[in-house]
C-alpha atoms as a PDB file:
ATOM      1  CA  MET A   1       8.378  20.096  -7.906  1.00  0.00           C
ATOM      2  CA  LYS A   2       6.731  18.444  -4.949  1.00  0.00           C
ATOM      3  CA  LYS A   3       8.026  15.031  -4.004  1.00  0.00           C
ATOM      4  CA  THR A   4       6.747  12.516  -1.495  1.00  0.00           C
ATOM      5  CA  ARG A   5       8.667   9.588  -0.049  1.00  0.00           C
ATOM      6  CA  ARG A   6       6.551   7.203  -2.141  1.00  0.00           C
ATOM      7  CA  THR A   7       6.871   9.080  -5.410  1.00  0.00           C
ATOM      8  CA  PHE A   8       9.891   8.465  -7.591  1.00  0.00           C
ATOM      9  CA  LEU A   9       9.131  11.172 -10.150  1.00  0.00           C
ATOM     10  CA  GLN A  10       5.889  13.123 -10.140  1.00  0.00           C
ATOM     11  CA  SER A  11       6.912  15.222 -13.099  1.00  0.00           C
ATOM     12  CA  LEU A  12       9.861  15.678 -15.394  1.00  0.00           C
ATOM     13  CA  ALA A  13      10.207  18.162 -18.165  1.00  0.00           C
ATOM     14  CA  LEU A  14      10.077  16.997 -21.730  1.00  0.00           C
ATOM     15  CA  THR A  15       9.538  20.068 -23.833  1.00  0.00           C
ATOM     16  CA  PRO A  16       9.141  20.192 -27.592  1.00  0.00           C
ATOM     17  CA  LEU A  17      12.365  19.184 -29.203  1.00  0.00           C
ATOM     18  CA  ILE A  18      14.183  21.649 -31.452  1.00  0.00           C
ATOM     19  CA  LEU A  19      16.259  20.551 -34.408  1.00  0.00           C
ATOM     20  CA  SER A  20      19.508  22.475 -34.669  1.00  0.00           C
ATOM     21  CA  SER A  21      22.676  21.456 -36.534  1.00  0.00           C
ATOM     22  CA  GLY A  22      21.573  17.830 -36.485  1.00  0.00           C
ATOM     23  CA  LYS A  23      21.196  17.803 -32.708  1.00  0.00           C
ATOM     24  CA  LEU A  24      18.087  17.475 -30.565  1.00  0.00           C
ATOM     25  CA  LEU A  25      17.885  20.112 -27.890  1.00  0.00           C
ATOM     26  CA  ALA A  26      15.460  19.960 -24.974  1.00  0.00           C
ATOM     27  CA  LEU A  27      14.349  22.999 -23.066  1.00  0.00           C
ATOM     28  CA  ASN A  28      15.341  22.637 -19.428  1.00  0.00           C
ATOM     29  CA  ASN A  29      12.029  23.496 -17.836  1.00  0.00           C
ATOM     30  CA  GLU A  30      10.444  20.849 -15.622  1.00  0.00           C
ATOM     31  CA  LYS A  31       7.028  22.514 -15.720  1.00  0.00           C
ATOM     32  CA  ASP A  32       6.731  21.938 -19.460  1.00  0.00           C
ATOM     33  CA  PHE A  33       6.389  18.166 -19.359  1.00  0.00           C
ATOM     34  CA  GLN A  34       5.451  15.223 -17.198  1.00  0.00           C
ATOM     35  CA  LEU A  35       6.804  11.718 -17.107  1.00  0.00           C
ATOM     36  CA  LYS A  36       5.295   9.256 -14.696  1.00  0.00           C
ATOM     37  CA  LYS A  37       6.944   5.935 -14.074  1.00  0.00           C
ATOM     38  CA  ARG A  38       5.553   3.341 -11.700  1.00  0.00           C
ATOM     39  CA  ARG A  39       8.243   1.369  -9.909  1.00  0.00           C
ATOM     40  CA  VAL A  40       6.473  -1.541  -8.254  1.00  0.00           C
ATOM     41  CA  GLN A  41       8.735  -4.420  -7.353  1.00  0.00           C
ATOM     42  CA  TYR A  42       7.808  -7.889  -6.173  1.00  0.00           C
ATOM     43  CA  SER A  43       8.785 -10.128  -3.302  1.00  0.00           C
ATOM     44  CA  ILE A  44       7.712 -13.286  -1.487  1.00  0.00           C
ATOM     45  CA  ASN A  45       7.257 -13.557   2.249  1.00  0.00           C
ATOM     46  CA  ALA A  46       9.016 -16.459   3.920  1.00  0.00           C
ATOM     47  CA  TYR A  47       5.915 -17.405   5.918  1.00  0.00           C
ATOM     48  CA  SER A  48       4.469 -18.829   2.701  1.00  0.00           C
ATOM     49  CA  PHE A  49       6.891 -21.719   3.222  1.00  0.00           C
ATOM     50  CA  ASN A  50       6.448 -21.912   6.988  1.00  0.00           C
ATOM     51  CA  SER A  51       6.243 -25.687   7.398  1.00  0.00           C
ATOM     52  CA  MET A  52       8.940 -26.340   4.802  1.00  0.00           C
ATOM     53  CA  LEU A  53      11.386 -23.880   6.369  1.00  0.00           C
ATOM     54  CA  ARG A  54      10.754 -25.200   9.868  1.00  0.00           C
ATOM     55  CA  SER A  55      11.160 -28.835   8.830  1.00  0.00           C
ATOM     56  CA  GLY A  56      14.333 -28.194   6.834  1.00  0.00           C
ATOM     57  CA  GLU A  57      12.676 -29.240   3.580  1.00  0.00           C
ATOM     58  CA  MET A  58      13.446 -25.739   2.270  1.00  0.00           C
ATOM     59  CA  THR A  59      16.159 -23.198   3.086  1.00  0.00           C
ATOM     60  CA  PHE A  60      16.370 -19.461   2.492  1.00  0.00           C
ATOM     61  CA  PHE A  61      18.678 -20.268  -0.414  1.00  0.00           C
ATOM     62  CA  ASP A  62      16.010 -22.498  -1.997  1.00  0.00           C
ATOM     63  CA  MET A  63      13.467 -19.735  -1.500  1.00  0.00           C
ATOM     64  CA  MET A  64      15.766 -17.247  -3.225  1.00  0.00           C
ATOM     65  CA  ASP A  65      16.189 -19.594  -6.179  1.00  0.00           C
ATOM     66  CA  PHE A  66      12.407 -19.868  -6.539  1.00  0.00           C
ATOM     67  CA  CYS A  67      11.979 -16.092  -6.356  1.00  0.00           C
ATOM     68  CA  ALA A  68      14.552 -15.574  -9.084  1.00  0.00           C
ATOM     69  CA  GLU A  69      13.018 -18.263 -11.302  1.00  0.00           C
ATOM     70  CA  LEU A  70       9.599 -16.654 -10.933  1.00  0.00           C
ATOM     71  CA  GLY A  71      10.944 -13.244 -11.871  1.00  0.00           C
ATOM     72  CA  MET A  72      10.653 -11.627  -8.458  1.00  0.00           C
ATOM     73  CA  ASP A  73      12.799  -8.689  -7.378  1.00  0.00           C
ATOM     74  CA  ALA A  74      13.302  -9.488  -3.703  1.00  0.00           C
ATOM     75  CA  VAL A  75      12.767 -11.819  -0.759  1.00  0.00           C
ATOM     76  CA  ASP A  76      11.336 -11.275   2.733  1.00  0.00           C
ATOM     77  CA  LEU A  77      13.446 -13.081   5.348  1.00  0.00           C
ATOM     78  CA  THR A  78      11.528 -13.506   8.600  1.00  0.00           C
ATOM     79  CA  GLY A  79      13.707 -13.622  11.698  1.00  0.00           C
ATOM     80  CA  TYR A  80      12.323 -16.746  13.296  1.00  0.00           C
ATOM     81  CA  TYR A  81      13.423 -18.985  10.426  1.00  0.00           C
ATOM     82  CA  PHE A  82      17.046 -18.370  11.374  1.00  0.00           C
ATOM     83  CA  SER A  83      18.168 -21.265  13.564  1.00  0.00           C
ATOM     84  CA  SER A  84      19.638 -18.898  16.164  1.00  0.00           C
ATOM     85  CA  TYR A  85      16.453 -16.820  16.631  1.00  0.00           C
ATOM     86  CA  PRO A  86      15.875 -14.872  18.813  1.00  0.00           C
ATOM     87  CA  GLU A  87      19.645 -14.671  19.150  1.00  0.00           C
ATOM     88  CA  ILE A  88      21.623 -12.888  16.431  1.00  0.00           C
ATOM     89  CA  PRO A  89      22.914 -15.090  13.586  1.00  0.00           C
ATOM     90  CA  PRO A  90      26.644 -15.022  12.835  1.00  0.00           C
ATOM     91  CA  ASN A  91      27.861 -12.629  10.157  1.00  0.00           C
ATOM     92  CA  LYS A  92      29.048 -15.556   8.045  1.00  0.00           C
ATOM     93  CA  GLU A  93      25.445 -16.780   7.709  1.00  0.00           C
ATOM     94  CA  LEU A  94      24.072 -13.313   6.984  1.00  0.00           C
ATOM     95  CA  PHE A  95      26.686 -12.451   4.408  1.00  0.00           C
ATOM     96  CA  ALA A  96      26.257 -15.796   2.624  1.00  0.00           C
ATOM     97  CA  LEU A  97      22.574 -14.904   2.154  1.00  0.00           C
ATOM     98  CA  LYS A  98      23.486 -11.411   1.051  1.00  0.00           C
ATOM     99  CA  ARG A  99      25.970 -12.760  -1.492  1.00  0.00           C
ATOM    100  CA  ARG A 100      23.480 -15.285  -2.857  1.00  0.00           C
ATOM    101  CA  ALA A 101      20.875 -12.565  -3.285  1.00  0.00           C
ATOM    102  CA  LEU A 102      23.406 -10.499  -5.233  1.00  0.00           C
ATOM    103  CA  ASP A 103      24.247 -13.444  -7.495  1.00  0.00           C
ATOM    104  CA  LEU A 104      20.545 -13.903  -8.266  1.00  0.00           C
ATOM    105  CA  GLY A 105      19.836 -10.205  -8.772  1.00  0.00           C
ATOM    106  CA  LEU A 106      17.546 -10.064  -5.736  1.00  0.00           C
ATOM    107  CA  ASP A 107      17.146  -7.584  -2.911  1.00  0.00           C
ATOM    108  CA  ILE A 108      16.653  -8.639   0.674  1.00  0.00           C
ATOM    109  CA  ALA A 109      13.939  -6.080   1.158  1.00  0.00           C
ATOM    110  CA  TRP A 110      12.357  -7.090   4.444  1.00  0.00           C
ATOM    111  CA  THR A 111      12.933  -8.810   7.749  1.00  0.00           C
ATOM    112  CA  GLY A 112      10.526  -9.398  10.601  1.00  0.00           C
ATOM    113  CA  VAL A 113      10.206 -10.440  14.231  1.00  0.00           C
ATOM    114  CA  ARG A 114       7.324 -11.176  16.575  1.00  0.00           C
ATOM    115  CA  ASN A 115       6.848  -8.863  19.551  1.00  0.00           C
ATOM    116  CA  ASN A 116       4.181  -8.034  22.105  1.00  0.00           C
ATOM    117  CA  PHE A 117       3.775  -4.389  23.094  1.00  0.00           C
ATOM    118  CA  VAL A 118       0.239  -4.700  24.454  1.00  0.00           C
ATOM    119  CA  THR A 119       1.012  -6.929  27.425  1.00  0.00           C
ATOM    120  CA  PRO A 120       0.879  -5.342  30.902  1.00  0.00           C
ATOM    121  CA  ASP A 121       4.189  -7.083  31.656  1.00  0.00           C
ATOM    122  CA  VAL A 122       6.765  -4.303  31.313  1.00  0.00           C
ATOM    123  CA  ASN A 123       9.631  -6.823  31.361  1.00  0.00           C
ATOM    124  CA  ILE A 124       8.263  -8.543  28.271  1.00  0.00           C
ATOM    125  CA  ARG A 125       7.858  -5.223  26.488  1.00  0.00           C
ATOM    126  CA  ASN A 126      11.397  -4.177  27.361  1.00  0.00           C
ATOM    127  CA  THR A 127      12.786  -7.538  26.247  1.00  0.00           C
ATOM    128  CA  ASP A 128      10.952  -7.192  22.949  1.00  0.00           C
ATOM    129  CA  LYS A 129      12.315  -3.676  22.410  1.00  0.00           C
ATOM    130  CA  GLU A 130      15.808  -5.113  22.781  1.00  0.00           C
ATOM    131  CA  LEU A 131      14.872  -7.922  20.364  1.00  0.00           C
ATOM    132  CA  ILE A 132      13.734  -5.355  17.811  1.00  0.00           C
ATOM    133  CA  LYS A 133      16.899  -3.294  18.240  1.00  0.00           C
ATOM    134  CA  ASN A 134      19.077  -6.378  17.709  1.00  0.00           C
ATOM    135  CA  TRP A 135      17.193  -7.432  14.598  1.00  0.00           C
ATOM    136  CA  LEU A 136      17.238  -3.922  13.182  1.00  0.00           C
ATOM    137  CA  GLU A 137      21.011  -4.333  13.271  1.00  0.00           C
ATOM    138  CA  ILE A 138      20.627  -7.625  11.386  1.00  0.00           C
ATOM    139  CA  SER A 139      18.328  -5.926   8.879  1.00  0.00           C
ATOM    140  CA  SER A 140      20.899  -3.216   8.295  1.00  0.00           C
ATOM    141  CA  LYS A 141      23.638  -5.786   7.711  1.00  0.00           C
ATOM    142  CA  LEU A 142      21.454  -7.602   5.181  1.00  0.00           C
ATOM    143  CA  GLY A 143      20.594  -4.356   3.399  1.00  0.00           C
ATOM    144  CA  ALA A 144      16.877  -4.619   4.234  1.00  0.00           C
ATOM    145  CA  THR A 145      15.084  -1.280   4.194  1.00  0.00           C
ATOM    146  CA  ILE A 146      12.163  -2.191   6.460  1.00  0.00           C
ATOM    147  CA  MET A 147      11.582  -4.553   9.387  1.00  0.00           C
ATOM    148  CA  ARG A 148       8.173  -5.845  10.409  1.00  0.00           C
ATOM    149  CA  VAL A 149       6.850  -5.521  13.949  1.00  0.00           C
ATOM    150  CA  PHE A 150       3.451  -6.351  15.451  1.00  0.00           C
ATOM    151  CA  THR A 151       1.301  -4.906  18.189  1.00  0.00           C
ATOM    152  CA  GLY A 152       0.873  -8.220  19.956  1.00  0.00           C
ATOM    153  CA  ARG A 153      -2.374  -9.748  21.148  1.00  0.00           C
ATOM    154  CA  ASN A 154      -3.947  -8.258  24.281  1.00  0.00           C
ATOM    155  CA  LYS A 155      -5.232 -10.766  26.843  1.00  0.00           C
ATOM    156  CA  SER A 156      -5.634  -8.411  29.816  1.00  0.00           C
ATOM    157  CA  GLU A 157      -8.918  -6.889  30.926  1.00  0.00           C
ATOM    158  CA  ASP A 158      -7.300  -4.751  33.621  1.00  0.00           C
ATOM    159  CA  PHE A 159      -6.511  -1.846  31.292  1.00  0.00           C
ATOM    160  CA  SER A 160      -8.561   0.047  28.743  1.00  0.00           C
ATOM    161  CA  LYS A 161      -7.660  -0.040  25.091  1.00  0.00           C
ATOM    162  CA  ASP A 162      -6.730   3.642  25.227  1.00  0.00           C
ATOM    163  CA  GLU A 163      -4.324   2.978  28.105  1.00  0.00           C
ATOM    164  CA  ILE A 164      -2.711   0.141  26.171  1.00  0.00           C
ATOM    165  CA  LYS A 165      -2.344   2.338  23.088  1.00  0.00           C
ATOM    166  CA  GLU A 166      -0.266   4.716  25.202  1.00  0.00           C
ATOM    167  CA  TRP A 167       2.247   1.919  25.852  1.00  0.00           C
ATOM    168  CA  LEU A 168       2.134   0.975  22.208  1.00  0.00           C
ATOM    169  CA  VAL A 169       2.905   4.461  20.927  1.00  0.00           C
ATOM    170  CA  LYS A 170       5.698   4.969  23.454  1.00  0.00           C
ATOM    171  CA  ASP A 171       7.393   1.682  22.552  1.00  0.00           C
ATOM    172  CA  PHE A 172       7.019   2.265  18.819  1.00  0.00           C
ATOM    173  CA  LYS A 173       8.612   5.715  19.227  1.00  0.00           C
ATOM    174  CA  THR A 174      11.598   4.092  20.912  1.00  0.00           C
ATOM    175  CA  CYS A 175      11.899   1.518  18.131  1.00  0.00           C
ATOM    176  CA  ALA A 176      11.624   4.208  15.462  1.00  0.00           C
ATOM    177  CA  LYS A 177      14.647   5.927  17.037  1.00  0.00           C
ATOM    178  CA  TYR A 178      16.566   2.651  16.812  1.00  0.00           C
ATOM    179  CA  GLY A 179      15.522   2.371  13.181  1.00  0.00           C
ATOM    180  CA  GLU A 180      16.724   5.882  12.440  1.00  0.00           C
ATOM    181  CA  GLU A 181      20.139   5.083  13.935  1.00  0.00           C
ATOM    182  CA  LEU A 182      20.456   1.953  11.802  1.00  0.00           C
ATOM    183  CA  GLY A 183      18.806   3.160   8.588  1.00  0.00           C
ATOM    184  CA  VAL A 184      15.897   0.711   8.691  1.00  0.00           C
ATOM    185  CA  ILE A 185      12.209   1.643   8.811  1.00  0.00           C
ATOM    186  CA  VAL A 186      10.207  -0.037  11.588  1.00  0.00           C
ATOM    187  CA  GLY A 187       7.080  -1.240   9.797  1.00  0.00           C
ATOM    188  CA  LEU A 188       3.899  -2.046  11.706  1.00  0.00           C
ATOM    189  CA  GLN A 189       2.019  -4.890  10.057  1.00  0.00           C
ATOM    190  CA  ASN A 190      -1.716  -4.625  10.735  1.00  0.00           C
ATOM    191  CA  HIS A 191      -2.365  -8.176  11.814  1.00  0.00           C
ATOM    192  CA  ASP A 192      -5.903  -8.441  13.198  1.00  0.00           C
ATOM    193  CA  GLU A 193      -4.563  -8.739  16.759  1.00  0.00           C
ATOM    194  CA  PHE A 194      -5.167  -5.466  18.598  1.00  0.00           C
ATOM    195  CA  LEU A 195      -5.801  -2.816  15.940  1.00  0.00           C
ATOM    196  CA  PHE A 196      -8.702  -4.048  13.834  1.00  0.00           C
ATOM    197  CA  THR A 197      -9.642  -1.103  11.633  1.00  0.00           C
ATOM    198  CA  SER A 198      -7.782   1.182   9.262  1.00  0.00           C
ATOM    199  CA  ASP A 199      -8.710   4.179  11.442  1.00  0.00           C
ATOM    200  CA  GLU A 200      -7.031   2.608  14.481  1.00  0.00           C
ATOM    201  CA  VAL A 201      -3.885   1.848  12.487  1.00  0.00           C
ATOM    202  CA  ILE A 202      -3.740   5.377  11.050  1.00  0.00           C
ATOM    203  CA  ASP A 203      -4.178   6.843  14.529  1.00  0.00           C
ATOM    204  CA  ILE A 204      -1.129   4.957  15.825  1.00  0.00           C
ATOM    205  CA  ILE A 205       0.988   5.912  12.803  1.00  0.00           C
ATOM    206  CA  LYS A 206       0.136   9.580  13.288  1.00  0.00           C
ATOM    207  CA  ARG A 207       0.840   9.473  17.021  1.00  0.00           C
ATOM    208  CA  VAL A 208       4.237   7.839  16.564  1.00  0.00           C
ATOM    209  CA  ASP A 209       4.933  10.521  13.972  1.00  0.00           C
ATOM    210  CA  SER A 210       8.293   9.382  12.645  1.00  0.00           C
ATOM    211  CA  GLU A 211       9.796   9.027   9.175  1.00  0.00           C
ATOM    212  CA  TRP A 212      11.313   5.803  10.503  1.00  0.00           C
ATOM    213  CA  PHE A 213       8.001   4.241  11.510  1.00  0.00           C
ATOM    214  CA  GLY A 214       5.713   3.066   8.752  1.00  0.00           C
ATOM    215  CA  LEU A 215       3.115   0.558   7.638  1.00  0.00           C
ATOM    216  CA  ILE A 216       3.341  -2.890   6.134  1.00  0.00           C
ATOM    217  CA  LEU A 217      -0.164  -3.034   4.700  1.00  0.00           C
ATOM    218  CA  ASP A 218      -1.550  -6.529   5.145  1.00  0.00           C
ATOM    219  CA  CYS A 219      -4.542  -6.833   2.800  1.00  0.00           C
ATOM    220  CA  GLY A 220      -5.618 -10.076   4.451  1.00  0.00           C
ATOM    221  CA  SER A 221      -5.925  -8.727   7.994  1.00  0.00           C
ATOM    222  CA  LEU A 222      -8.573  -6.024   7.861  1.00  0.00           C
ATOM    223  CA  PRO A 223     -11.809  -7.668   9.032  1.00  0.00           C
ATOM    224  CA  SER A 224     -14.697  -5.634   7.676  1.00  0.00           C
ATOM    225  CA  ASP A 225     -17.995  -5.701   5.832  1.00  0.00           C
ATOM    226  CA  ASP A 226     -15.981  -4.060   3.043  1.00  0.00           C
ATOM    227  CA  PRO A 227     -12.287  -4.967   3.439  1.00  0.00           C
ATOM    228  CA  TYR A 228     -11.416  -3.263   0.145  1.00  0.00           C
ATOM    229  CA  LYS A 229     -12.640   0.065   1.517  1.00  0.00           C
ATOM    230  CA  GLU A 230     -10.375  -0.483   4.529  1.00  0.00           C
ATOM    231  CA  ILE A 231      -7.466  -1.249   2.212  1.00  0.00           C
ATOM    232  CA  GLU A 232      -8.159   1.926   0.208  1.00  0.00           C
ATOM    233  CA  LYS A 233      -8.190   4.007   3.382  1.00  0.00           C
ATOM    234  CA  LEU A 234      -4.803   2.622   4.468  1.00  0.00           C
ATOM    235  CA  ALA A 235      -3.242   2.800   0.992  1.00  0.00           C
ATOM    236  CA  PRO A 236      -1.750   6.317   1.351  1.00  0.00           C
ATOM    237  CA  TYR A 237       0.181   5.151   4.424  1.00  0.00           C
ATOM    238  CA  GLY A 238       1.563   1.902   2.996  1.00  0.00           C
ATOM    239  CA  ASN A 239       5.348   1.609   2.794  1.00  0.00           C
ATOM    240  CA  TYR A 240       5.182  -2.080   1.889  1.00  0.00           C
ATOM    241  CA  TRP A 241       2.266  -4.279   0.820  1.00  0.00           C
ATOM    242  CA  PHE A 242       1.310  -7.853   1.645  1.00  0.00           C
ATOM    243  CA  VAL A 243      -1.073  -9.477  -0.810  1.00  0.00           C
ATOM    244  CA  LYS A 244      -2.605 -12.727   0.409  1.00  0.00           C
ATOM    245  CA  GLU A 245      -5.041 -15.082  -1.259  1.00  0.00           C
ATOM    246  CA  HIS A 246      -7.757 -14.037   1.178  1.00  0.00           C
ATOM    247  CA  VAL A 247      -9.405 -11.029   2.799  1.00  0.00           C
ATOM    248  CA  LYS A 248     -11.499 -11.138   5.974  1.00  0.00           C
ATOM    249  CA  THR A 249     -15.149 -10.423   6.593  1.00  0.00           C
ATOM    250  CA  LYS A 250     -16.325  -8.616   9.726  1.00  0.00           C
ATOM    251  CA  ASP A 251     -16.197 -11.792  11.835  1.00  0.00           C
ATOM    252  CA  SER A 252     -12.661 -12.571  10.538  1.00  0.00           C
ATOM    253  CA  THR A 253     -13.880 -15.293   8.168  1.00  0.00           C
ATOM    254  CA  LYS A 254     -11.411 -15.709   5.317  1.00  0.00           C
ATOM    255  CA  VAL A 255     -12.806 -15.352   1.796  1.00  0.00           C
ATOM    256  CA  PRO A 256     -10.902 -15.424  -1.518  1.00  0.00           C
ATOM    257  CA  ALA A 257      -9.257 -12.111  -2.307  1.00  0.00           C
ATOM    258  CA  ASP A 258     -10.015 -10.168  -5.463  1.00  0.00           C
ATOM    259  CA  ILE A 259      -6.396  -9.833  -6.600  1.00  0.00           C
ATOM    260  CA  VAL A 260      -7.396  -7.668  -9.567  1.00  0.00           C
ATOM    261  CA  LYS A 261      -9.201  -5.238  -7.262  1.00  0.00           C
ATOM    262  CA  ILE A 262      -6.230  -5.033  -4.906  1.00  0.00           C
ATOM    263  CA  ALA A 263      -3.926  -4.351  -7.859  1.00  0.00           C
ATOM    264  CA  SER A 264      -6.269  -1.565  -8.937  1.00  0.00           C
ATOM    265  CA  ILE A 265      -6.144   0.026  -5.466  1.00  0.00           C
ATOM    266  CA  ILE A 266      -2.340  -0.098  -5.468  1.00  0.00           C
ATOM    267  CA  LYS A 267      -2.236   1.392  -8.947  1.00  0.00           C
ATOM    268  CA  GLN A 268      -4.632   4.209  -8.057  1.00  0.00           C
ATOM    269  CA  SER A 269      -2.612   5.041  -4.937  1.00  0.00           C
ATOM    270  CA  ASN A 270       0.461   5.541  -7.142  1.00  0.00           C
ATOM    271  CA  PHE A 271       2.418   3.288  -4.804  1.00  0.00           C
ATOM    272  CA  GLN A 272       6.047   2.786  -5.695  1.00  0.00           C
ATOM    273  CA  GLY A 273       7.867   0.116  -3.753  1.00  0.00           C
ATOM    274  CA  TYR A 274       7.581  -3.554  -2.845  1.00  0.00           C
ATOM    275  CA  VAL A 275       4.490  -5.713  -3.095  1.00  0.00           C
ATOM    276  CA  SER A 276       5.022  -9.029  -1.340  1.00  0.00           C
ATOM    277  CA  PHE A 277       2.944 -12.166  -1.827  1.00  0.00           C
ATOM    278  CA  GLU A 278       2.121 -14.517   1.012  1.00  0.00           C
ATOM    279  CA  SER A 279       0.208 -17.767   0.887  1.00  0.00           C
ATOM    280  CA  LEU A 280      -1.500 -19.206   3.961  1.00  0.00           C
ATOM    281  CA  SER A 281      -3.625 -21.823   2.204  1.00  0.00           C
ATOM    282  CA  GLU A 282      -3.192 -25.549   2.032  1.00  0.00           C
ATOM    283  CA  GLY A 283      -1.637 -26.802  -1.167  1.00  0.00           C
ATOM    284  CA  ASP A 284       1.588 -26.111  -3.019  1.00  0.00           C
ATOM    285  CA  PRO A 285       2.670 -22.587  -1.994  1.00  0.00           C
ATOM    286  CA  LYS A 286       4.789 -22.254  -5.130  1.00  0.00           C
ATOM    287  CA  GLU A 287       1.776 -22.818  -7.382  1.00  0.00           C
ATOM    288  CA  ILE A 288      -0.448 -20.528  -5.309  1.00  0.00           C
ATOM    289  CA  ILE A 289       2.070 -17.692  -5.291  1.00  0.00           C
ATOM    290  CA  SER A 290       2.792 -18.105  -9.003  1.00  0.00           C
ATOM    291  CA  ASP A 291      -0.924 -17.771  -9.784  1.00  0.00           C
ATOM    292  CA  MET A 292      -1.318 -14.735  -7.502  1.00  0.00           C
ATOM    293  CA  PHE A 293       1.755 -13.064  -8.953  1.00  0.00           C
ATOM    294  CA  ASN A 294       0.719 -13.592 -12.571  1.00  0.00           C
ATOM    295  CA  THR A 295      -2.846 -12.403 -11.917  1.00  0.00           C
ATOM    296  CA  PHE A 296      -1.573  -9.305 -10.126  1.00  0.00           C
ATOM    297  CA  LYS A 297       0.948  -8.370 -12.810  1.00  0.00           C
ATOM    298  CA  LYS A 298      -1.650  -8.628 -15.573  1.00  0.00           C
ATOM    299  CA  ALA A 299      -4.021  -6.409 -13.599  1.00  0.00           C
ATOM    300  CA  LEU A 300      -1.423  -3.758 -12.800  1.00  0.00           C
END
């Protein structure tokens, strides 16, 4: 039976049942039956509450309470909302969050930092590799299975894009090795900064070529005449999904996302894992996320 890392059970045997002495016996042959079970779980990304978390109006604990009330399975805890960031938070703070998540029946599925691997400044790149290593340790302590990284935004015209991609691949390979040591996948979030198409993202994933380097598929950051086609192309590579209330046209104009269509793409890809919701719009993020979540669940 062939298994992929995104497939929980492709097929299980369930042969005709035979009555014998009041007992049901099942033939033990996996080829005789199939049982498919989709295991999509739901999370909220902390950036949805960016202003509230930065102002102190909301804490991670408040965010967890909201997730549990809404019926979510997990939370995404972005690194820069910890007061110590970029420095490592104390264990007492981390373990209090971990304990609260347990009490609420939530996973801490995701963490994230901001890095720049496309700058010509080698010192910055090296500093950011150390940042990623440190926060992979934090992710491991929290029990998070994936940590978000970026490419960074290129502002230099002194190097070609192909030259910069060489730095990018090399640094991502190093980070993937850190991730392997700590049991946390390094997840590249396509973020409309340096890699703008699904083909570019796939190229980098293939060149890094590591089980510990994956993709956080950001549906709202694929500028295209047909962003849904770009999403479909990336779908087989997605280890984690971000669903936002918008997608982007070719010139990066934000337009309302077709949540039902995105749910259909995820369903057709047979994805099994976390789908996280993120709101960037003005208005009450709790109401926006609740609407997105309910629309998505009905469509799936």
